N, C-alpha and C. Protein backbone atom coordinates (compact mmCIF):
# COMPACT_ATOMS: atom_id res chain seq x y z
N UNK A 1 -221.54 149.83 -47.88
CA UNK A 1 -220.32 150.04 -48.63
C UNK A 1 -219.67 151.38 -48.26
N UNK A 2 -220.52 152.40 -48.05
CA UNK A 2 -219.97 153.72 -47.67
C UNK A 2 -219.29 153.65 -46.30
N UNK A 3 -219.88 152.86 -45.40
CA UNK A 3 -219.29 152.73 -44.06
C UNK A 3 -217.91 152.07 -44.16
N UNK A 4 -217.80 151.06 -44.98
CA UNK A 4 -216.51 150.39 -45.15
C UNK A 4 -215.48 151.34 -45.74
N UNK A 5 -215.90 152.13 -46.71
CA UNK A 5 -214.99 153.10 -47.33
C UNK A 5 -214.54 154.14 -46.31
N UNK A 6 -215.47 154.60 -45.47
CA UNK A 6 -215.13 155.58 -44.45
C UNK A 6 -214.17 154.99 -43.42
N UNK A 7 -214.42 153.73 -43.03
CA UNK A 7 -213.52 153.07 -42.08
C UNK A 7 -212.11 152.91 -42.65
N UNK A 8 -212.03 152.48 -43.90
CA UNK A 8 -210.72 152.33 -44.53
C UNK A 8 -210.00 153.67 -44.68
N UNK A 9 -210.75 154.70 -45.05
CA UNK A 9 -210.16 156.02 -45.22
C UNK A 9 -209.63 156.54 -43.88
N UNK A 10 -210.43 156.44 -42.84
CA UNK A 10 -210.00 156.91 -41.52
C UNK A 10 -208.80 156.12 -41.01
N UNK A 11 -208.84 154.80 -41.17
CA UNK A 11 -207.73 153.97 -40.70
C UNK A 11 -206.45 154.29 -41.45
N UNK A 12 -206.56 154.53 -42.74
CA UNK A 12 -205.37 154.86 -43.53
C UNK A 12 -204.79 156.20 -43.11
N UNK A 13 -205.65 157.19 -42.88
CA UNK A 13 -205.16 158.50 -42.44
C UNK A 13 -204.51 158.41 -41.06
N UNK A 14 -205.09 157.62 -40.16
CA UNK A 14 -204.48 157.44 -38.85
C UNK A 14 -203.15 156.72 -38.94
N UNK A 15 -203.06 155.75 -39.83
CA UNK A 15 -201.81 155.03 -40.02
C UNK A 15 -200.72 155.97 -40.55
N UNK A 16 -201.08 156.82 -41.49
CA UNK A 16 -200.11 157.80 -42.00
C UNK A 16 -199.68 158.77 -40.90
N UNK A 17 -200.62 159.22 -40.08
CA UNK A 17 -200.28 160.11 -38.97
C UNK A 17 -199.35 159.40 -37.98
N UNK A 18 -199.57 158.12 -37.76
CA UNK A 18 -198.69 157.34 -36.88
C UNK A 18 -197.28 157.27 -37.47
N UNK A 19 -197.19 157.06 -38.76
CA UNK A 19 -195.88 157.03 -39.42
C UNK A 19 -195.16 158.36 -39.33
N UNK A 20 -195.90 159.45 -39.50
CA UNK A 20 -195.30 160.79 -39.38
C UNK A 20 -194.83 161.01 -37.95
N UNK A 21 -195.63 160.62 -36.97
CA UNK A 21 -195.23 160.76 -35.56
C UNK A 21 -193.97 159.95 -35.26
N UNK A 22 -193.91 158.75 -35.80
CA UNK A 22 -192.73 157.91 -35.59
C UNK A 22 -191.50 158.54 -36.24
N UNK A 23 -191.66 159.11 -37.43
CA UNK A 23 -190.55 159.80 -38.09
C UNK A 23 -190.09 161.00 -37.28
N UNK A 24 -191.05 161.77 -36.76
CA UNK A 24 -190.70 162.91 -35.92
C UNK A 24 -189.97 162.46 -34.65
N UNK A 25 -190.42 161.35 -34.10
CA UNK A 25 -189.76 160.80 -32.92
C UNK A 25 -188.30 160.50 -33.20
N UNK A 26 -188.03 159.89 -34.33
CA UNK A 26 -186.64 159.58 -34.70
C UNK A 26 -185.82 160.84 -34.93
N UNK A 27 -186.40 161.81 -35.62
CA UNK A 27 -185.69 163.07 -35.90
C UNK A 27 -185.39 163.81 -34.60
N UNK A 28 -186.39 163.92 -33.74
CA UNK A 28 -186.19 164.62 -32.46
C UNK A 28 -185.15 163.88 -31.61
N UNK A 29 -185.23 162.57 -31.58
CA UNK A 29 -184.27 161.79 -30.80
C UNK A 29 -182.84 161.98 -31.28
N UNK A 30 -182.64 161.87 -32.56
CA UNK A 30 -181.28 162.02 -33.09
C UNK A 30 -180.78 163.46 -32.99
N UNK A 31 -181.64 164.42 -33.30
CA UNK A 31 -181.22 165.83 -33.25
C UNK A 31 -180.89 166.26 -31.82
N UNK A 32 -181.73 165.89 -30.87
CA UNK A 32 -181.46 166.29 -29.50
C UNK A 32 -180.25 165.55 -28.93
N UNK A 33 -180.04 164.33 -29.34
CA UNK A 33 -178.85 163.61 -28.91
C UNK A 33 -177.60 164.26 -29.51
N UNK A 34 -177.68 164.63 -30.76
CA UNK A 34 -176.56 165.28 -31.43
C UNK A 34 -176.22 166.62 -30.77
N UNK A 35 -177.27 167.37 -30.40
CA UNK A 35 -177.09 168.67 -29.77
C UNK A 35 -176.97 168.58 -28.24
N UNK A 36 -177.00 167.35 -27.73
CA UNK A 36 -176.89 167.07 -26.29
C UNK A 36 -177.95 167.82 -25.47
N UNK A 37 -179.18 167.72 -25.95
CA UNK A 37 -180.33 168.31 -25.27
C UNK A 37 -181.16 167.21 -24.62
N UNK A 38 -181.88 167.57 -23.59
CA UNK A 38 -182.81 166.63 -22.97
C UNK A 38 -184.01 166.43 -23.89
N UNK A 39 -184.34 165.20 -24.16
CA UNK A 39 -185.45 164.91 -25.07
C UNK A 39 -186.41 163.86 -24.52
N UNK A 40 -186.28 163.58 -23.24
CA UNK A 40 -187.05 162.49 -22.64
C UNK A 40 -188.54 162.75 -22.75
N UNK A 41 -189.00 163.93 -22.35
CA UNK A 41 -190.44 164.20 -22.33
C UNK A 41 -191.01 164.35 -23.73
N UNK A 42 -190.30 165.02 -24.60
CA UNK A 42 -190.77 165.16 -25.98
C UNK A 42 -190.85 163.82 -26.69
N UNK A 43 -189.85 162.99 -26.47
CA UNK A 43 -189.85 161.65 -27.08
C UNK A 43 -190.98 160.81 -26.53
N UNK A 44 -191.24 160.94 -25.23
CA UNK A 44 -192.32 160.16 -24.62
C UNK A 44 -193.67 160.56 -25.20
N UNK A 45 -193.89 161.85 -25.39
CA UNK A 45 -195.15 162.34 -25.96
C UNK A 45 -195.31 161.85 -27.39
N UNK A 46 -194.26 161.96 -28.19
CA UNK A 46 -194.33 161.51 -29.58
C UNK A 46 -194.53 160.00 -29.66
N UNK A 47 -193.89 159.24 -28.78
CA UNK A 47 -194.06 157.79 -28.78
C UNK A 47 -195.49 157.42 -28.42
N UNK A 48 -196.03 158.07 -27.38
CA UNK A 48 -197.42 157.81 -26.99
C UNK A 48 -198.36 158.14 -28.13
N UNK A 49 -198.15 159.28 -28.79
CA UNK A 49 -199.00 159.68 -29.92
C UNK A 49 -198.93 158.67 -31.06
N UNK A 50 -197.73 158.22 -31.40
CA UNK A 50 -197.56 157.26 -32.49
C UNK A 50 -198.26 155.94 -32.18
N UNK A 51 -198.12 155.46 -30.95
CA UNK A 51 -198.74 154.18 -30.57
C UNK A 51 -200.26 154.31 -30.51
N UNK A 52 -200.75 155.45 -29.99
CA UNK A 52 -202.20 155.66 -29.92
C UNK A 52 -202.80 155.72 -31.32
N UNK A 53 -202.14 156.42 -32.24
CA UNK A 53 -202.64 156.49 -33.61
C UNK A 53 -202.61 155.13 -34.29
N UNK A 54 -201.54 154.39 -34.07
CA UNK A 54 -201.44 153.05 -34.65
C UNK A 54 -202.54 152.14 -34.12
N UNK A 55 -202.75 152.16 -32.81
CA UNK A 55 -203.80 151.33 -32.23
C UNK A 55 -205.18 151.68 -32.74
N UNK A 56 -205.45 152.97 -32.86
CA UNK A 56 -206.74 153.41 -33.38
C UNK A 56 -206.94 152.99 -34.83
N UNK A 57 -205.88 153.11 -35.63
CA UNK A 57 -206.00 152.71 -37.04
C UNK A 57 -206.19 151.20 -37.16
N UNK A 58 -205.52 150.43 -36.33
CA UNK A 58 -205.70 148.97 -36.36
C UNK A 58 -207.12 148.59 -35.95
N UNK A 59 -207.69 149.30 -35.00
CA UNK A 59 -209.07 149.06 -34.60
C UNK A 59 -210.01 149.32 -35.79
N UNK A 60 -209.77 150.42 -36.53
CA UNK A 60 -210.58 150.72 -37.71
C UNK A 60 -210.45 149.67 -38.79
N UNK A 61 -209.22 149.21 -39.03
CA UNK A 61 -209.02 148.14 -40.00
C UNK A 61 -209.74 146.87 -39.56
N UNK A 62 -209.69 146.59 -38.27
CA UNK A 62 -210.38 145.41 -37.74
C UNK A 62 -211.89 145.48 -37.94
N UNK A 63 -212.46 146.66 -37.74
CA UNK A 63 -213.89 146.83 -37.98
C UNK A 63 -214.22 146.57 -39.45
N UNK A 64 -213.41 147.09 -40.35
CA UNK A 64 -213.66 146.91 -41.77
C UNK A 64 -213.56 145.44 -42.15
N UNK A 65 -212.57 144.74 -41.61
CA UNK A 65 -212.42 143.31 -41.91
C UNK A 65 -213.63 142.54 -41.40
N UNK A 66 -214.10 142.86 -40.19
CA UNK A 66 -215.27 142.19 -39.64
C UNK A 66 -216.49 142.41 -40.53
N UNK A 67 -216.69 143.64 -41.00
CA UNK A 67 -217.82 143.93 -41.89
C UNK A 67 -217.68 143.16 -43.20
N UNK A 68 -216.45 143.17 -43.75
CA UNK A 68 -216.21 142.46 -45.00
C UNK A 68 -216.47 140.97 -44.89
N UNK A 69 -216.06 140.38 -43.77
CA UNK A 69 -216.30 138.94 -43.58
C UNK A 69 -217.78 138.64 -43.38
N UNK A 70 -218.48 139.49 -42.67
CA UNK A 70 -219.92 139.24 -42.48
C UNK A 70 -220.67 139.39 -43.79
N UNK A 71 -220.26 140.34 -44.64
CA UNK A 71 -220.90 140.48 -45.96
C UNK A 71 -220.57 139.30 -46.85
N UNK A 72 -219.36 138.77 -46.75
CA UNK A 72 -218.97 137.61 -47.56
C UNK A 72 -219.78 136.38 -47.16
N UNK A 73 -220.10 136.25 -45.87
CA UNK A 73 -220.91 135.11 -45.40
C UNK A 73 -222.33 135.17 -45.96
N UNK A 74 -222.83 136.33 -46.25
CA UNK A 74 -224.18 136.46 -46.77
C UNK A 74 -224.31 135.92 -48.18
N UNK A 75 -223.21 135.90 -48.93
CA UNK A 75 -223.24 135.45 -50.31
C UNK A 75 -222.93 133.96 -50.47
N UNK A 76 -222.59 133.30 -49.41
CA UNK A 76 -222.30 131.86 -49.50
C UNK A 76 -223.38 131.03 -48.92
């Protein structure tokens, strides 16, 4: 049970970090476009970070679901 709680907690924190990265990506994109600054590299780094965090959090959620399903099979 503690492992499942830890997996859910980590996945949720990673998901929130992904959302923050995505928000920063939008802010940087709009602000640099408004100020006519080059933002290609900064946007690429933020996009990569957001996708990596999202993928990692989905992997954690998948692990928790697998554990939950295997525990449910034990009771049937």
